[in-house]
């Protein structure tokens, strides 16, 4: 369920930096305000599998902000074993997490 990049640009949105198949690393941090990125996924590397579009930033909206500029929202795939060190299930198990652009950086090859 990916969207074309040229369908996402509006006056109040950030251009998506990643495409399906790109390897990304989730930033680690614990801002003093509301944040939407689960701590268990921070610092982990995954692969973008979908770009949903650009949406108002919920971290800004939670504190009365306008949520602008809109942030691209991605679905990112992680190996279950990388997320949970002691995971004993099948090696092919995956974790899918929806993550906003400002929490991602390009991963090292």
Protein backbone atom coordinates (compact mmCIF):
# COMPACT_ATOMS: atom_id res chain seq x y z
CA UNK A 1 0.00 0.00 0.00
CA UNK A 2 2.46 2.67 -1.09
CA UNK A 3 1.68 6.09 -2.48
CA UNK A 4 3.55 7.88 -5.22
CA UNK A 5 5.78 10.65 -3.94
CA UNK A 6 4.31 13.24 -6.32
CA UNK A 7 0.87 12.73 -4.72
CA UNK A 8 2.13 13.75 -1.29
CA UNK A 9 3.36 17.30 -1.70
CA UNK A 10 1.21 20.07 -0.30
CA UNK A 11 2.10 23.51 0.92
CA UNK A 12 2.26 22.24 4.47
CA UNK A 13 4.02 18.89 4.11
CA UNK A 14 7.56 17.62 4.21
CA UNK A 15 8.77 15.70 1.18
CA UNK A 16 9.24 11.98 1.93
CA UNK A 17 12.91 11.05 2.18
CA UNK A 18 12.46 7.29 1.89
CA UNK A 19 10.93 4.83 -0.56
CA UNK A 20 9.82 1.23 -0.26
CA UNK A 21 12.91 -0.96 0.11
CA UNK A 22 15.07 1.69 1.79
CA UNK A 23 16.93 0.62 4.94
CA UNK A 24 16.32 3.02 7.82
CA UNK A 25 17.40 3.37 11.43
CA UNK A 26 15.02 4.61 14.10
CA UNK A 27 16.41 7.46 16.18
CA UNK A 28 16.69 6.90 19.91
CA UNK A 29 15.49 9.45 22.39
CA UNK A 30 12.94 10.30 25.01
CA UNK A 31 11.66 13.82 24.51
CA UNK A 32 10.03 15.43 27.56
CA UNK A 33 6.80 15.77 25.56
CA UNK A 34 4.46 13.25 23.94
CA UNK A 35 6.09 10.99 21.34
CA UNK A 36 4.70 8.21 19.17
CA UNK A 37 7.72 6.01 18.50
CA UNK A 38 7.83 2.94 20.76
CA UNK A 39 10.97 2.71 22.88
CA UNK A 40 11.45 -0.97 21.98
CA UNK A 41 12.02 -0.02 18.33
CA UNK A 42 14.36 2.94 18.92
CA UNK A 43 17.90 2.38 17.65
CA UNK A 44 16.78 -0.56 15.49
CA UNK A 45 17.26 -0.93 11.73
CA UNK A 46 14.45 -1.95 9.40
CA UNK A 47 13.18 -1.67 5.83
CA UNK A 48 10.49 0.72 4.58
CA UNK A 49 7.64 -1.32 3.09
CA UNK A 50 5.03 1.40 2.58
CA UNK A 51 4.54 5.16 2.51
CA UNK A 52 1.05 6.06 3.73
CA UNK A 53 1.15 9.77 2.96
CA UNK A 54 1.85 12.95 4.92
CA UNK A 55 -0.10 13.66 8.09
CA UNK A 56 -0.14 16.27 10.81
CA UNK A 57 2.53 15.54 13.40
CA UNK A 58 0.75 13.95 16.40
CA UNK A 59 3.61 14.92 18.70
CA UNK A 60 2.82 18.59 18.03
CA UNK A 61 -0.96 18.11 18.05
CA UNK A 62 -0.83 16.49 21.51
CA UNK A 63 0.38 19.81 22.96
CA UNK A 64 -1.97 22.15 21.11
CA UNK A 65 0.26 22.74 18.09
CA UNK A 66 -0.97 22.77 14.51
CA UNK A 67 0.97 19.61 13.55
CA UNK A 68 2.64 21.33 10.62
CA UNK A 69 4.52 20.68 8.55
CA UNK A 70 2.81 17.39 7.79
CA UNK A 71 5.15 14.44 8.27
CA UNK A 72 5.45 11.44 5.95
CA UNK A 73 4.33 8.26 7.69
CA UNK A 74 6.01 4.96 6.79
CA UNK A 75 5.41 1.31 7.59
CA UNK A 76 8.77 -0.21 8.55
CA UNK A 77 9.56 -3.93 8.74
CA UNK A 78 11.93 -5.30 11.40
CA UNK A 79 13.23 -8.80 12.08
CA UNK A 80 11.57 -9.99 15.27
CA UNK A 81 14.88 -11.31 16.62
CA UNK A 82 16.51 -7.89 16.24
CA UNK A 83 13.71 -6.20 18.18
CA UNK A 84 13.48 -8.76 21.00
CA UNK A 85 16.89 -10.30 21.80
CA UNK A 86 15.41 -13.28 23.62
CA UNK A 87 12.76 -14.06 21.00
CA UNK A 88 12.58 -17.83 20.49
CA UNK A 89 10.01 -18.01 17.71
CA UNK A 90 10.56 -18.72 14.01
CA UNK A 91 13.46 -16.81 12.44
CA UNK A 92 11.20 -15.46 9.66
CA UNK A 93 8.87 -13.64 12.11
CA UNK A 94 8.69 -9.87 11.57
CA UNK A 95 7.46 -6.75 13.35
CA UNK A 96 5.69 -3.96 11.42
CA UNK A 97 5.67 -0.47 12.94
CA UNK A 98 4.27 2.80 11.58
CA UNK A 99 6.88 5.53 12.06
CA UNK A 100 6.93 9.22 11.16
CA UNK A 101 9.77 10.57 9.01
CA UNK A 102 11.37 12.75 11.69
CA UNK A 103 12.18 9.61 13.72
CA UNK A 104 14.11 7.97 10.86
CA UNK A 105 17.56 8.29 9.34
CA UNK A 106 19.22 6.37 6.49
CA UNK A 107 20.77 3.14 7.74
CA UNK A 108 24.37 2.21 7.03
CA UNK A 109 24.66 -0.34 4.23
